[in-house]
Protein backbone atom coordinates (compact mmCIF):
# COMPACT_ATOMS: atom_id res chain seq x y z
CA MET A 1 -3.18 -20.37 44.28
CA GLY A 2 -3.01 -16.60 44.40
CA THR A 3 -5.49 -14.00 43.13
CA GLU A 4 -3.18 -12.32 40.77
CA LYS A 5 -4.82 -11.30 37.50
CA LYS A 6 -3.52 -12.71 34.25
CA THR A 7 -1.99 -10.13 32.10
CA ILE A 8 -0.57 -9.81 28.49
CA ASP A 9 2.03 -7.34 27.19
CA ILE A 10 1.04 -5.79 23.92
CA HIS A 11 3.92 -4.26 22.08
CA TYR A 12 3.54 -1.59 19.53
CA THR A 13 5.81 -1.31 16.35
CA LYS A 14 5.45 -0.30 12.72
CA SER A 15 6.38 -2.42 9.78
CA PRO A 16 9.24 -1.26 7.66
CA THR A 17 6.64 -0.64 4.87
CA TYR A 18 4.29 1.39 6.99
CA ARG A 19 3.72 4.79 5.42
CA THR A 20 1.95 7.88 6.46
CA TYR A 21 1.03 10.14 3.70
CA HIS A 22 0.44 13.42 5.45
CA LEU A 23 2.49 16.55 5.37
CA ASP A 24 2.82 18.53 8.60
CA GLY A 25 5.94 20.29 7.69
CA VAL A 26 9.43 20.42 6.17
CA PHE A 27 12.96 20.50 7.56
CA GLY A 28 16.01 21.35 5.31
CA GLY A 29 18.42 23.71 3.97
CA LEU A 30 20.55 24.80 1.18
CA THR A 31 23.02 22.51 -0.92
CA PRO A 32 25.48 23.83 -3.44
CA LYS A 33 23.02 23.30 -6.29
CA GLY A 34 19.73 23.98 -4.58
CA ILE A 35 17.59 22.83 -1.65
CA PHE A 36 17.24 19.62 0.49
CA ILE A 37 13.89 19.08 2.08
CA ASP A 38 12.89 16.36 4.63
CA ILE A 39 9.14 16.04 4.77
CA PHE A 40 7.69 15.13 8.05
CA THR A 41 4.41 14.32 9.78
CA GLU A 42 3.59 15.26 13.45
CA GLN A 43 1.81 12.83 15.74
CA ILE A 44 1.65 12.19 19.53
CA SER A 45 4.23 9.64 20.61
CA PRO A 46 2.62 6.14 20.68
CA PRO A 47 2.95 3.89 23.62
CA SER A 48 5.90 1.47 23.61
CA LYS A 49 3.83 -0.97 25.63
CA ILE A 50 0.40 -1.39 27.13
CA VAL A 51 -0.31 -4.18 29.73
CA HIS A 52 -3.98 -5.50 29.77
CA GLU A 53 -5.65 -7.87 32.15
CA ILE A 54 -6.86 -11.25 30.71
CA LYS A 55 -10.36 -11.97 31.69
CA GLU A 56 -11.42 -15.29 32.91
CA ASP A 57 -12.96 -16.12 29.52
CA GLY A 58 -9.63 -15.40 27.80
CA ASN A 59 -10.57 -11.99 26.26
CA ILE A 60 -8.46 -8.99 26.73
CA GLY A 61 -9.69 -6.78 29.61
CA ASP A 62 -8.92 -3.35 31.08
CA GLU A 63 -5.74 -1.63 30.54
CA ILE A 64 -3.37 -1.80 33.60
CA VAL A 65 -0.18 -0.04 32.61
CA ARG A 66 0.90 2.11 29.73
CA THR A 67 4.45 2.83 29.09
CA ASN A 68 5.59 5.93 27.12
CA GLU A 69 9.25 6.03 26.40
CA LYS A 70 8.89 9.27 24.58
CA VAL A 71 6.73 12.13 25.83
CA GLY A 72 5.77 15.02 23.62
CA LEU A 73 5.48 15.32 19.99
CA LEU A 74 7.00 12.94 17.37
CA ARG A 75 8.20 14.16 13.92
CA GLU A 76 8.54 11.38 11.70
CA PHE A 77 10.61 11.99 8.60
CA GLN A 78 8.85 10.50 5.56
CA CYS A 79 11.19 11.12 2.85
CA GLY A 80 14.09 13.44 1.70
CA ILE A 81 14.01 15.51 -1.55
CA VAL A 82 16.85 17.19 -3.30
CA ILE A 83 15.58 19.92 -5.53
CA ASP A 84 17.45 22.49 -7.78
CA ILE A 85 16.52 26.09 -7.28
CA ASN A 86 14.81 26.62 -10.53
CA LYS A 87 12.39 23.67 -9.76
CA ALA A 88 11.82 25.00 -6.27
CA VAL A 89 10.74 28.45 -7.71
CA SER A 90 8.48 26.58 -10.22
CA ILE A 91 6.91 24.42 -7.44
CA LYS A 92 6.42 27.64 -5.26
CA ASN A 93 4.55 29.27 -8.19
CA TRP A 94 2.57 26.19 -8.73
CA LEU A 95 1.61 26.04 -5.01
CA GLU A 96 0.73 29.83 -4.97
CA ASN A 97 -1.58 29.22 -7.97
CA LYS A 98 -3.29 26.26 -6.36
CA ILE A 99 -3.69 28.13 -3.12
CA ASN A 100 -5.32 30.98 -5.02
CA GLU A 101 -7.64 28.64 -6.98
CA PHE A 102 -8.59 26.98 -3.72
CA GLN A 103 -9.37 30.42 -1.98
CA ILE A 104 -11.48 31.53 -4.82
CA GLY A 105 -13.45 28.39 -4.90
CA VAL A 106 -14.05 28.48 -1.18
CA GLN A 107 -15.37 32.09 -1.45
CA LYS A 108 -17.95 31.10 -4.00
C-alpha cells in the first residue's frame, strides 16, 4: 500500500437555466431599423476543475490543483435586444431622468 492521498475532481458548470441579472455593459450596433444590443456581465473566469484531497474521515480536504482554461475577464452575454431608434431615444431620455433623480436624491 502506498501513501498516496485520495483525491476527488470537482467539475464546475452552469445549468442551462442559470441566470445572472447584473449589467456591466452592452455590445451591439446598428440594424436597418434601429439598434441591436447584447447585454453582458463581467466576471473572473471560474476554474474548470479543482482537485481536493479526501481526508481519512471522508470529508473534502485541502485544494491540491486548480485548472483554469480561460485566464482573464469573462463577458457572458445575457440576452439580445432589438430596438427601433425611436424607442432607443425614449429609453435614453428615461435613463437620463432616472440618473438625475438619483443624483438629486443622493445630494440631499
